[in-house]
Amino acid sequence: MPEIKLGSTLKRYRQGIGWSVEEVSNELRENYGLDIATKTIYGWESDQAYPRTPVFIALCNLYGIEKLDTAVDSLPEPGGFRMSDDEKTIVLSLRRKPQMQAAVRKLLDVR
């Protein structure tokens, strides 16, 4: 099995939603009661360490990661479907703005 790069995945998702490491730290503190230093987040993103399971779950929630098997680098995607980085950014942005979903569905004629 290929090596899994969790750090680059976390970094890509954070950047995909346009957040700084400081913003992630603040979100973890405010929404999950987790006091995580920015230095620690940088360590995760460079694969020097890995977040504990509760923190990892919180990060997945913050970043809109619903299916780990299609989110983590080096894991094969089912059915061979792969989104570009731009498409992932759009999807993650849309998830952060649920009030816009009806308008986007109408625009794209998706039911």
PDB file of N, CA and C in Angstrom:
ATOM      1  N   MET A   1       0.848  -1.186   0.000  1.00  0.00           N
ATOM      2  CA  MET A   1       0.000   0.000   0.000  1.00  0.00           C
ATOM      3  C   MET A   1       0.887   1.240   0.000  1.00  0.00           C
ATOM      4  N   PRO A   2       0.521   2.264  -0.781  1.00  0.00           N
ATOM      5  CA  PRO A   2       1.336   3.482  -0.831  1.00  0.00           C
ATOM      6  C   PRO A   2       1.309   4.231   0.502  1.00  0.00           C
ATOM      7  N   GLU A   3       2.356   5.001   0.733  1.00  0.00           N
ATOM      8  CA  GLU A   3       2.436   5.801   1.950  1.00  0.00           C
ATOM      9  C   GLU A   3       1.332   6.870   1.940  1.00  0.00           C
ATOM     10  N   ILE A   4       0.669   7.018   3.064  1.00  0.00           N
ATOM     11  CA  ILE A   4      -0.400   8.007   3.187  1.00  0.00           C
ATOM     12  C   ILE A   4       0.195   9.295   3.731  1.00  0.00           C
ATOM     13  N   LYS A   5      -0.102  10.390   3.086  1.00  0.00           N
ATOM     14  CA  LYS A   5       0.402  11.703   3.486  1.00  0.00           C
ATOM     15  C   LYS A   5      -0.716  12.493   4.163  1.00  0.00           C
ATOM     16  N   LEU A   6      -0.966  12.207   5.425  1.00  0.00           N
ATOM     17  CA  LEU A   6      -2.039  12.881   6.150  1.00  0.00           C
ATOM     18  C   LEU A   6      -1.772  14.380   6.262  1.00  0.00           C
ATOM     19  N   GLY A   7      -0.523  14.746   6.510  1.00  0.00           N
ATOM     20  CA  GLY A   7      -0.184  16.159   6.686  1.00  0.00           C
ATOM     21  C   GLY A   7      -0.509  17.002   5.464  1.00  0.00           C
ATOM     22  N   SER A   8      -0.123  16.528   4.286  1.00  0.00           N
ATOM     23  CA  SER A   8      -0.404  17.300   3.070  1.00  0.00           C
ATOM     24  C   SER A   8      -1.906  17.366   2.806  1.00  0.00           C
ATOM     25  N   THR A   9      -2.629  16.324   3.211  1.00  0.00           N
ATOM     26  CA  THR A   9      -4.078  16.345   3.046  1.00  0.00           C
ATOM     27  C   THR A   9      -4.700  17.396   3.952  1.00  0.00           C
ATOM     28  N   LEU A  10      -4.300  17.423   5.209  1.00  0.00           N
ATOM     29  CA  LEU A  10      -4.829  18.427   6.131  1.00  0.00           C
ATOM     30  C   LEU A  10      -4.520  19.835   5.635  1.00  0.00           C
ATOM     31  N   LYS A  11      -3.307  20.036   5.168  1.00  0.00           N
ATOM     32  CA  LYS A  11      -2.916  21.362   4.666  1.00  0.00           C
ATOM     33  C   LYS A  11      -3.734  21.741   3.434  1.00  0.00           C
ATOM     34  N   ARG A  12      -3.910  20.800   2.510  1.00  0.00           N
ATOM     35  CA  ARG A  12      -4.669  21.085   1.290  1.00  0.00           C
ATOM     36  C   ARG A  12      -6.118  21.461   1.615  1.00  0.00           C
ATOM     37  N   TYR A  13      -6.730  20.746   2.531  1.00  0.00           N
ATOM     38  CA  TYR A  13      -8.110  21.060   2.901  1.00  0.00           C
ATOM     39  C   TYR A  13      -8.197  22.396   3.631  1.00  0.00           C
ATOM     40  N   ARG A  14      -7.247  22.686   4.508  1.00  0.00           N
ATOM     41  CA  ARG A  14      -7.253  23.976   5.201  1.00  0.00           C
ATOM     42  C   ARG A  14      -7.124  25.111   4.196  1.00  0.00           C
ATOM     43  N   GLN A  15      -6.181  24.982   3.289  1.00  0.00           N
ATOM     44  CA  GLN A  15      -5.993  26.024   2.289  1.00  0.00           C
ATOM     45  C   GLN A  15      -7.189  26.102   1.336  1.00  0.00           C
ATOM     46  N   GLY A  16      -7.823  24.953   1.091  1.00  0.00           N
ATOM     47  CA  GLY A  16      -8.987  24.926   0.204  1.00  0.00           C
ATOM     48  C   GLY A  16     -10.159  25.733   0.711  1.00  0.00           C
ATOM     49  N   ILE A  17     -10.274  25.846   2.032  1.00  0.00           N
ATOM     50  CA  ILE A  17     -11.357  26.674   2.577  1.00  0.00           C
ATOM     51  C   ILE A  17     -10.865  28.075   2.917  1.00  0.00           C
ATOM     52  N   GLY A  18      -9.588  28.333   2.613  1.00  0.00           N
ATOM     53  CA  GLY A  18      -9.050  29.684   2.758  1.00  0.00           C
ATOM     54  C   GLY A  18      -8.740  30.095   4.185  1.00  0.00           C
ATOM     55  N   TRP A  19      -8.480  29.150   5.062  1.00  0.00           N
ATOM     56  CA  TRP A  19      -8.179  29.473   6.458  1.00  0.00           C
ATOM     57  C   TRP A  19      -6.688  29.452   6.715  1.00  0.00           C
ATOM     58  N   SER A  20      -6.257  30.332   7.601  1.00  0.00           N
ATOM     59  CA  SER A  20      -4.880  30.305   8.085  1.00  0.00           C
ATOM     60  C   SER A  20      -4.809  29.287   9.228  1.00  0.00           C
ATOM     61  N   VAL A  21      -3.599  28.939   9.610  1.00  0.00           N
ATOM     62  CA  VAL A  21      -3.417  28.036  10.742  1.00  0.00           C
ATOM     63  C   VAL A  21      -3.977  28.673  12.018  1.00  0.00           C
ATOM     64  N   GLU A  22      -3.824  29.983  12.140  1.00  0.00           N
ATOM     65  CA  GLU A  22      -4.358  30.691  13.300  1.00  0.00           C
ATOM     66  C   GLU A  22      -5.885  30.570  13.354  1.00  0.00           C
ATOM     67  N   GLU A  23      -6.533  30.663  12.204  1.00  0.00           N
ATOM     68  CA  GLU A  23      -7.990  30.534  12.172  1.00  0.00           C
ATOM     69  C   GLU A  23      -8.434  29.125  12.568  1.00  0.00           C
ATOM     70  N   VAL A  24      -7.701  28.122  12.129  1.00  0.00           N
ATOM     71  CA  VAL A  24      -8.022  26.738  12.512  1.00  0.00           C
ATOM     72  C   VAL A  24      -7.875  26.589  14.024  1.00  0.00           C
ATOM     73  N   SER A  25      -6.801  27.110  14.579  1.00  0.00           N
ATOM     74  CA  SER A  25      -6.580  27.044  16.016  1.00  0.00           C
ATOM     75  C   SER A  25      -7.738  27.698  16.766  1.00  0.00           C
ATOM     76  N   ASN A  26      -8.161  28.863  16.299  1.00  0.00           N
ATOM     77  CA  ASN A  26      -9.279  29.569  16.935  1.00  0.00           C
ATOM     78  C   ASN A  26     -10.582  28.781  16.823  1.00  0.00           C
ATOM     79  N   GLU A  27     -10.847  28.219  15.653  1.00  0.00           N
ATOM     80  CA  GLU A  27     -12.067  27.428  15.447  1.00  0.00           C
ATOM     81  C   GLU A  27     -12.090  26.200  16.363  1.00  0.00           C
ATOM     82  N   LEU A  28     -10.947  25.535  16.486  1.00  0.00           N
ATOM     83  CA  LEU A  28     -10.876  24.367  17.366  1.00  0.00           C
ATOM     84  C   LEU A  28     -11.141  24.760  18.815  1.00  0.00           C
ATOM     85  N   ARG A  29     -10.628  25.902  19.215  1.00  0.00           N
ATOM     86  CA  ARG A  29     -10.829  26.381  20.585  1.00  0.00           C
ATOM     87  C   ARG A  29     -12.287  26.784  20.805  1.00  0.00           C
ATOM     88  N   GLU A  30     -12.825  27.594  19.906  1.00  0.00           N
ATOM     89  CA  GLU A  30     -14.172  28.142  20.087  1.00  0.00           C
ATOM     90  C   GLU A  30     -15.266  27.093  19.913  1.00  0.00           C
ATOM     91  N   ASN A  31     -15.125  26.215  18.926  1.00  0.00           N
ATOM     92  CA  ASN A  31     -16.203  25.276  18.605  1.00  0.00           C
ATOM     93  C   ASN A  31     -16.067  23.902  19.251  1.00  0.00           C
ATOM     94  N   TYR A  32     -14.849  23.538  19.643  1.00  0.00           N
ATOM     95  CA  TYR A  32     -14.630  22.191  20.177  1.00  0.00           C
ATOM     96  C   TYR A  32     -13.954  22.180  21.546  1.00  0.00           C
ATOM     97  N   GLY A  33     -13.601  23.353  22.056  1.00  0.00           N
ATOM     98  CA  GLY A  33     -12.935  23.417  23.349  1.00  0.00           C
ATOM     99  C   GLY A  33     -11.545  22.816  23.342  1.00  0.00           C
ATOM    100  N   LEU A  34     -10.912  22.778  22.177  1.00  0.00           N
ATOM    101  CA  LEU A  34      -9.576  22.195  22.027  1.00  0.00           C
ATOM    102  C   LEU A  34      -8.551  23.314  21.899  1.00  0.00           C
ATOM    103  N   ASP A  35      -7.624  23.370  22.818  1.00  0.00           N
ATOM    104  CA  ASP A  35      -6.590  24.408  22.796  1.00  0.00           C
ATOM    105  C   ASP A  35      -5.360  23.858  22.078  1.00  0.00           C
ATOM    106  N   ILE A  36      -5.306  24.124  20.774  1.00  0.00           N
ATOM    107  CA  ILE A  36      -4.232  23.590  19.929  1.00  0.00           C
ATOM    108  C   ILE A  36      -3.389  24.758  19.412  1.00  0.00           C
ATOM    109  N   ALA A  37      -2.106  24.716  19.683  1.00  0.00           N
ATOM    110  CA  ALA A  37      -1.190  25.771  19.237  1.00  0.00           C
ATOM    111  C   ALA A  37      -0.984  25.695  17.727  1.00  0.00           C
ATOM    112  N   THR A  38      -0.734  26.844  17.124  1.00  0.00           N
ATOM    113  CA  THR A  38      -0.481  26.876  15.681  1.00  0.00           C
ATOM    114  C   THR A  38       0.746  26.034  15.332  1.00  0.00           C
ATOM    115  N   LYS A  39       1.746  26.028  16.191  1.00  0.00           N
ATOM    116  CA  LYS A  39       2.950  25.227  15.962  1.00  0.00           C
ATOM    117  C   LYS A  39       2.592  23.741  15.847  1.00  0.00           C
ATOM    118  N   THR A  40       1.641  23.300  16.633  1.00  0.00           N
ATOM    119  CA  THR A  40       1.205  21.905  16.594  1.00  0.00           C
ATOM    120  C   THR A  40       0.550  21.596  15.256  1.00  0.00           C
ATOM    121  N   ILE A  41      -0.287  22.520  14.770  1.00  0.00           N
ATOM    122  CA  ILE A  41      -0.964  22.324  13.481  1.00  0.00           C
ATOM    123  C   ILE A  41       0.059  22.260  12.356  1.00  0.00           C
ATOM    124  N   TYR A  42       1.061  23.144  12.396  1.00  0.00           N
ATOM    125  CA  TYR A  42       2.133  23.082  11.402  1.00  0.00           C
ATOM    126  C   TYR A  42       2.845  21.736  11.459  1.00  0.00           C
ATOM    127  N   GLY A  43       3.043  21.205  12.654  1.00  0.00           N
ATOM    128  CA  GLY A  43       3.679  19.895  12.806  1.00  0.00           C
ATOM    129  C   GLY A  43       2.852  18.786  12.164  1.00  0.00           C
ATOM    130  N   TRP A  44       1.528  18.848  12.333  1.00  0.00           N
ATOM    131  CA  TRP A  44       0.659  17.857  11.692  1.00  0.00           C
ATOM    132  C   TRP A  44       0.773  17.960  10.171  1.00  0.00           C
ATOM    133  N   GLU A  45       0.738  19.197   9.664  1.00  0.00           N
ATOM    134  CA  GLU A  45       0.745  19.406   8.213  1.00  0.00           C
ATOM    135  C   GLU A  45       2.071  19.012   7.567  1.00  0.00           C
ATOM    136  N   SER A  46       3.122  18.900   8.351  1.00  0.00           N
ATOM    137  CA  SER A  46       4.416  18.482   7.805  1.00  0.00           C
ATOM    138  C   SER A  46       4.739  17.030   8.181  1.00  0.00           C
ATOM    139  N   ASP A  47       3.726  16.298   8.656  1.00  0.00           N
ATOM    140  CA  ASP A  47       3.864  14.889   9.034  1.00  0.00           C
ATOM    141  C   ASP A  47       4.919  14.643  10.119  1.00  0.00           C
ATOM    142  N   GLN A  48       5.178  15.644  10.962  1.00  0.00           N
ATOM    143  CA  GLN A  48       6.089  15.456  12.086  1.00  0.00           C
ATOM    144  C   GLN A  48       5.373  14.811  13.267  1.00  0.00           C
ATOM    145  N   ALA A  49       4.049  14.963  13.298  1.00  0.00           N
ATOM    146  CA  ALA A  49       3.202  14.383  14.344  1.00  0.00           C
ATOM    147  C   ALA A  49       1.803  14.249  13.756  1.00  0.00           C
ATOM    148  N   TYR A  50       0.925  13.612  14.486  1.00  0.00           N
ATOM    149  CA  TYR A  50      -0.448  13.424  14.006  1.00  0.00           C
ATOM    150  C   TYR A  50      -1.433  13.779  15.105  1.00  0.00           C
ATOM    151  N   PRO A  51      -2.574  14.345  14.733  1.00  0.00           N
ATOM    152  CA  PRO A  51      -3.556  14.716  15.757  1.00  0.00           C
ATOM    153  C   PRO A  51      -4.182  13.478  16.399  1.00  0.00           C
ATOM    154  N   ARG A  52      -4.548  13.620  17.678  1.00  0.00           N
ATOM    155  CA  ARG A  52      -5.304  12.568  18.350  1.00  0.00           C
ATOM    156  C   ARG A  52      -6.652  12.416  17.656  1.00  0.00           C
ATOM    157  N   THR A  53      -7.279  11.289  17.832  1.00  0.00           N
ATOM    158  CA  THR A  53      -8.528  10.981  17.135  1.00  0.00           C
ATOM    159  C   THR A  53      -9.597  12.050  17.330  1.00  0.00           C
ATOM    160  N   PRO A  54      -9.899  12.519  18.561  1.00  0.00           N
ATOM    161  CA  PRO A  54     -10.943  13.552  18.697  1.00  0.00           C
ATOM    162  C   PRO A  54     -10.615  14.841  17.946  1.00  0.00           C
ATOM    163  N   VAL A  55      -9.326  15.190  17.923  1.00  0.00           N
ATOM    164  CA  VAL A  55      -8.897  16.396  17.203  1.00  0.00           C
ATOM    165  C   VAL A  55      -9.013  16.170  15.701  1.00  0.00           C
ATOM    166  N   PHE A  56      -8.632  14.988  15.252  1.00  0.00           N
ATOM    167  CA  PHE A  56      -8.735  14.668  13.830  1.00  0.00           C
ATOM    168  C   PHE A  56     -10.196  14.727  13.368  1.00  0.00           C
ATOM    169  N   ILE A  57     -11.097  14.212  14.170  1.00  0.00           N
ATOM    170  CA  ILE A  57     -12.527  14.262  13.830  1.00  0.00           C
ATOM    171  C   ILE A  57     -13.009  15.714  13.768  1.00  0.00           C
ATOM    172  N   ALA A  58     -12.558  16.530  14.707  1.00  0.00           N
ATOM    173  CA  ALA A  58     -12.925  17.956  14.689  1.00  0.00           C
ATOM    174  C   ALA A  58     -12.394  18.622  13.422  1.00  0.00           C
ATOM    175  N   LEU A  59     -11.153  18.315  13.031  1.00  0.00           N
ATOM    176  CA  LEU A  59     -10.581  18.876  11.808  1.00  0.00           C
ATOM    177  C   LEU A  59     -11.391  18.448  10.587  1.00  0.00           C
ATOM    178  N   CYS A  60     -11.768  17.184  10.531  1.00  0.00           N
ATOM    179  CA  CYS A  60     -12.585  16.705   9.414  1.00  0.00           C
ATOM    180  C   CYS A  60     -13.895  17.484   9.343  1.00  0.00           C
ATOM    181  N   ASN A  61     -14.510  17.726  10.491  1.00  0.00           N
ATOM    182  CA  ASN A  61     -15.747  18.517  10.509  1.00  0.00           C
ATOM    183  C   ASN A  61     -15.503  19.939  10.024  1.00  0.00           C
ATOM    184  N   LEU A  62     -14.448  20.563  10.506  1.00  0.00           N
ATOM    185  CA  LEU A  62     -14.133  21.933  10.097  1.00  0.00           C
ATOM    186  C   LEU A  62     -13.859  22.028   8.602  1.00  0.00           C
ATOM    187  N   TYR A  63     -13.147  21.040   8.074  1.00  0.00           N
ATOM    188  CA  TYR A  63     -12.734  21.075   6.680  1.00  0.00           C
ATOM    189  C   TYR A  63     -13.776  20.485   5.733  1.00  0.00           C
ATOM    190  N   GLY A  64     -14.862  19.947   6.269  1.00  0.00           N
ATOM    191  CA  GLY A  64     -15.891  19.366   5.410  1.00  0.00           C
ATOM    192  C   GLY A  64     -15.506  18.017   4.834  1.00  0.00           C
ATOM    193  N   ILE A  65     -14.626  17.299   5.508  1.00  0.00           N
ATOM    194  CA  ILE A  65     -14.214  15.978   5.047  1.00  0.00           C
ATOM    195  C   ILE A  65     -15.232  14.970   5.559  1.00  0.00           C
ATOM    196  N   GLU A  66     -15.983  14.387   4.637  1.00  0.00           N
ATOM    197  CA  GLU A  66     -17.010  13.426   5.029  1.00  0.00           C
ATOM    198  C   GLU A  66     -16.567  11.991   4.797  1.00  0.00           C
ATOM    199  N   LYS A  67     -15.788  11.760   3.758  1.00  0.00           N
ATOM    200  CA  LYS A  67     -15.342  10.403   3.427  1.00  0.00           C
ATOM    201  C   LYS A  67     -13.828  10.385   3.415  1.00  0.00           C
ATOM    202  N   LEU A  68     -13.287   9.799   4.440  1.00  0.00           N
ATOM    203  CA  LEU A  68     -11.842   9.787   4.584  1.00  0.00           C
ATOM    204  C   LEU A  68     -11.146   9.062   3.445  1.00  0.00           C
ATOM    205  N   ASP A  69     -11.761   8.016   2.919  1.00  0.00           N
ATOM    206  CA  ASP A  69     -11.095   7.246   1.869  1.00  0.00           C
ATOM    207  C   ASP A  69     -10.896   8.034   0.584  1.00  0.00           C
ATOM    208  N   THR A  70     -11.675   9.070   0.367  1.00  0.00           N
ATOM    209  CA  THR A  70     -11.471   9.887  -0.828  1.00  0.00           C
ATOM    210  C   THR A  70     -10.754  11.195  -0.505  1.00  0.00           C
ATOM    211  N   ALA A  71     -10.498  11.449   0.780  1.00  0.00           N
ATOM    212  CA  ALA A  71      -9.876  12.706   1.175  1.00  0.00           C
ATOM    213  C   ALA A  71      -8.371  12.599   1.332  1.00  0.00           C
ATOM    214  N   VAL A  72      -7.897  11.460   1.809  1.00  0.00           N
ATOM    215  CA  VAL A  72      -6.479  11.320   2.140  1.00  0.00           C
ATOM    216  C   VAL A  72      -5.670  10.989   0.896  1.00  0.00           C
ATOM    217  N   ASP A  73      -4.555  11.689   0.738  1.00  0.00           N
ATOM    218  CA  ASP A  73      -3.649  11.437  -0.382  1.00  0.00           C
ATOM    219  C   ASP A  73      -3.209   9.981  -0.394  1.00  0.00           C
ATOM    220  N   SER A  74      -3.064   9.442  -1.571  1.00  0.00           N
ATOM    221  CA  SER A  74      -2.555   8.098  -1.824  1.00  0.00           C
ATOM    222  C   SER A  74      -3.567   6.985  -1.608  1.00  0.00           C
ATOM    223  N   LEU A  75      -4.780   7.301  -1.219  1.00  0.00           N
ATOM    224  CA  LEU A  75      -5.806   6.272  -1.146  1.00  0.00           C
ATOM    225  C   LEU A  75      -6.589   6.294  -2.452  1.00  0.00           C
ATOM    226  N   PRO A  76      -6.857   5.149  -3.035  1.00  0.00           N
ATOM    227  CA  PRO A  76      -7.600   5.140  -4.298  1.00  0.00           C
ATOM    228  C   PRO A  76      -9.036   5.598  -4.093  1.00  0.00           C
ATOM    229  N   GLU A  77      -9.552   6.311  -5.065  1.00  0.00           N
ATOM    230  CA  GLU A  77     -10.939   6.758  -5.005  1.00  0.00           C
ATOM    231  C   GLU A  77     -11.836   5.720  -5.644  1.00  0.00           C
ATOM    232  N   PRO A  78     -12.988   5.454  -5.024  1.00  0.00           N
ATOM    233  CA  PRO A  78     -13.888   4.455  -5.594  1.00  0.00           C
ATOM    234  C   PRO A  78     -14.374   4.876  -6.977  1.00  0.00           C
ATOM    235  N   GLY A  79     -14.450   3.930  -7.881  1.00  0.00           N
ATOM    236  CA  GLY A  79     -14.961   4.214  -9.213  1.00  0.00           C
ATOM    237  C   GLY A  79     -14.049   5.065 -10.065  1.00  0.00           C
ATOM    238  N   GLY A  80     -12.877   5.410  -9.573  1.00  0.00           N
ATOM    239  CA  GLY A  80     -11.942   6.184 -10.368  1.00  0.00           C
ATOM    240  C   GLY A  80     -12.301   7.658 -10.516  1.00  0.00           C
ATOM    241  N   PHE A  81     -13.330   8.146  -9.826  1.00  0.00           N
ATOM    242  CA  PHE A  81     -13.710   9.552  -9.928  1.00  0.00           C
ATOM    243  C   PHE A  81     -12.786  10.392  -9.061  1.00  0.00           C
ATOM    244  N   ARG A  82     -12.226  11.425  -9.651  1.00  0.00           N
ATOM    245  CA  ARG A  82     -11.314  12.295  -8.908  1.00  0.00           C
ATOM    246  C   ARG A  82     -11.645  13.739  -9.226  1.00  0.00           C
ATOM    247  N   MET A  83     -11.768  14.557  -8.198  1.00  0.00           N
ATOM    248  CA  MET A  83     -12.031  15.980  -8.388  1.00  0.00           C
ATOM    249  C   MET A  83     -10.712  16.736  -8.470  1.00  0.00           C
ATOM    250  N   SER A  84     -10.721  17.776  -9.275  1.00  0.00           N
ATOM    251  CA  SER A  84      -9.555  18.653  -9.330  1.00  0.00           C
ATOM    252  C   SER A  84      -9.510  19.474  -8.040  1.00  0.00           C
ATOM    253  N   ASP A  85      -8.368  20.109  -7.786  1.00  0.00           N
ATOM    254  CA  ASP A  85      -8.256  20.961  -6.611  1.00  0.00           C
ATOM    255  C   ASP A  85      -9.255  22.104  -6.662  1.00  0.00           C
ATOM    256  N   ASP A  86      -9.501  22.654  -7.848  1.00  0.00           N
ATOM    257  CA  ASP A  86     -10.487  23.728  -7.988  1.00  0.00           C
ATOM    258  C   ASP A  86     -11.880  23.236  -7.634  1.00  0.00           C
ATOM    259  N   GLU A  87     -12.236  22.042  -8.103  1.00  0.00           N
ATOM    260  CA  GLU A  87     -13.553  21.486  -7.790  1.00  0.00           C
ATOM    261  C   GLU A  87     -13.698  21.240  -6.289  1.00  0.00           C
ATOM    262  N   LYS A  88     -12.648  20.745  -5.660  1.00  0.00           N
ATOM    263  CA  LYS A  88     -12.694  20.520  -4.214  1.00  0.00           C
ATOM    264  C   LYS A  88     -12.868  21.833  -3.472  1.00  0.00           C
ATOM    265  N   THR A  89     -12.187  22.870  -3.920  1.00  0.00           N
ATOM    266  CA  THR A  89     -12.324  24.181  -3.283  1.00  0.00           C
ATOM    267  C   THR A  89     -13.752  24.685  -3.389  1.00  0.00           C
ATOM    268  N   ILE A  90     -14.357  24.519  -4.548  1.00  0.00           N
ATOM    269  CA  ILE A  90     -15.742  24.960  -4.749  1.00  0.00           C
ATOM    270  C   ILE A  90     -16.688  24.194  -3.835  1.00  0.00           C
ATOM    271  N   VAL A  91     -16.519  22.878  -3.774  1.00  0.00           N
ATOM    272  CA  VAL A  91     -17.392  22.055  -2.931  1.00  0.00           C
ATOM    273  C   VAL A  91     -17.240  22.439  -1.462  1.00  0.00           C
ATOM    274  N   LEU A  92     -16.004  22.600  -1.000  1.00  0.00           N
ATOM    275  CA  LEU A  92     -15.785  22.966   0.390  1.00  0.00           C
ATOM    276  C   LEU A  92     -16.348  24.351   0.700  1.00  0.00           C
ATOM    277  N   SER A  93     -16.203  25.272  -0.215  1.00  0.00           N
ATOM    278  CA  SER A  93     -16.764  26.608  -0.025  1.00  0.00           C
ATOM    279  C   SER A  93     -18.277  26.555   0.065  1.00  0.00           C
ATOM    280  N   LEU A  94     -18.879  25.744  -0.785  1.00  0.00           N
ATOM    281  CA  LEU A  94     -20.340  25.599  -0.775  1.00  0.00           C
ATOM    282  C   LEU A  94     -20.812  24.996   0.542  1.00  0.00           C
ATOM    283  N   ARG A  95     -20.092  24.035   1.062  1.00  0.00           N
ATOM    284  CA  ARG A  95     -20.466  23.426   2.342  1.00  0.00           C
ATOM    285  C   ARG A  95     -20.411  24.427   3.479  1.00  0.00           C
ATOM    286  N   ARG A  96     -19.523  25.392   3.379  1.00  0.00           N
ATOM    287  CA  ARG A  96     -19.404  26.411   4.428  1.00  0.00           C
ATOM    288  C   ARG A  96     -20.507  27.450   4.338  1.00  0.00           C
ATOM    289  N   LYS A  97     -21.250  27.461   3.234  1.00  0.00           N
ATOM    290  CA  LYS A  97     -22.320  28.444   3.050  1.00  0.00           C
ATOM    291  C   LYS A  97     -23.614  27.731   2.663  1.00  0.00           C
ATOM    292  N   PRO A  98     -24.225  27.027   3.619  1.00  0.00           N
ATOM    293  CA  PRO A  98     -25.435  26.264   3.287  1.00  0.00           C
ATOM    294  C   PRO A  98     -26.570  27.141   2.766  1.00  0.00           C
ATOM    295  N   GLN A  99     -26.589  28.408   3.113  1.00  0.00           N
ATOM    296  CA  GLN A  99     -27.637  29.304   2.636  1.00  0.00           C
ATOM    297  C   GLN A  99     -27.568  29.518   1.120  1.00  0.00           C
ATOM    298  N   MET A 100     -26.418  29.180   0.514  1.00  0.00           N
ATOM    299  CA  MET A 100     -26.244  29.357  -0.922  1.00  0.00           C
ATOM    300  C   MET A 100     -26.581  28.100  -1.719  1.00  0.00           C
ATOM    301  N   GLN A 101     -26.776  26.976  -1.044  1.00  0.00           N
ATOM    302  CA  GLN A 101     -26.940  25.705  -1.736  1.00  0.00           C
ATOM    303  C   GLN A 101     -28.166  25.678  -2.642  1.00  0.00           C
ATOM    304  N   ALA A 102     -29.275  26.248  -2.195  1.00  0.00           N
ATOM    305  CA  ALA A 102     -30.481  26.252  -3.035  1.00  0.00           C
ATOM    306  C   ALA A 102     -30.235  27.036  -4.321  1.00  0.00           C
ATOM    307  N   ALA A 103     -29.556  28.166  -4.208  1.00  0.00           N
ATOM    308  CA  ALA A 103     -29.282  28.994  -5.388  1.00  0.00           C
ATOM    309  C   ALA A 103     -28.343  28.269  -6.362  1.00  0.00           C
ATOM    310  N   VAL A 104     -27.342  27.596  -5.830  1.00  0.00           N
ATOM    311  CA  VAL A 104     -26.400  26.868  -6.680  1.00  0.00           C
ATOM    312  C   VAL A 104     -27.096  25.693  -7.358  1.00  0.00           C
ATOM    313  N   ARG A 105     -27.941  24.995  -6.619  1.00  0.00           N
ATOM    314  CA  ARG A 105     -28.701  23.889  -7.230  1.00  0.00           C
ATOM    315  C   ARG A 105     -29.563  24.395  -8.385  1.00  0.00           C
ATOM    316  N   LYS A 106     -30.193  25.537  -8.188  1.00  0.00           N
ATOM    317  CA  LYS A 106     -31.040  26.100  -9.232  1.00  0.00           C
ATOM    318  C   LYS A 106     -30.198  26.513 -10.432  1.00  0.00           C
ATOM    319  N   LEU A 107     -29.092  27.170 -10.177  1.00  0.00           N
ATOM    320  CA  LEU A 107     -28.190  27.615 -11.234  1.00  0.00           C
ATOM    321  C   LEU A 107     -27.687  26.432 -12.066  1.00  0.00           C
ATOM    322  N   LEU A 108     -27.351  25.337 -11.402  1.00  0.00           N
ATOM    323  CA  LEU A 108     -26.820  24.165 -12.094  1.00  0.00           C
ATOM    324  C   LEU A 108     -27.896  23.190 -12.542  1.00  0.00           C
ATOM    325  N   ASP A 109     -29.127  23.521 -12.229  1.00  0.00           N
ATOM    326  CA  ASP A 109     -30.275  22.657 -12.550  1.00  0.00           C
ATOM    327  C   ASP A 109     -30.094  21.258 -11.973  1.00  0.00           C
ATOM    328  N   VAL A 110     -29.734  21.232 -10.687  1.00  0.00           N
ATOM    329  CA  VAL A 110     -29.549  19.982  -9.958  1.00  0.00           C
ATOM    330  C   VAL A 110     -30.686  19.862  -8.963  1.00  0.00           C
ATOM    331  N   ARG A 111     -31.322  18.718  -8.961  1.00  0.00           N
ATOM    332  CA  ARG A 111     -32.465  18.530  -8.053  1.00  0.00           C
ATOM    333  C   ARG A 111     -32.115  17.723  -6.856  1.00  0.00           C
TER     334      ARG A 111
END
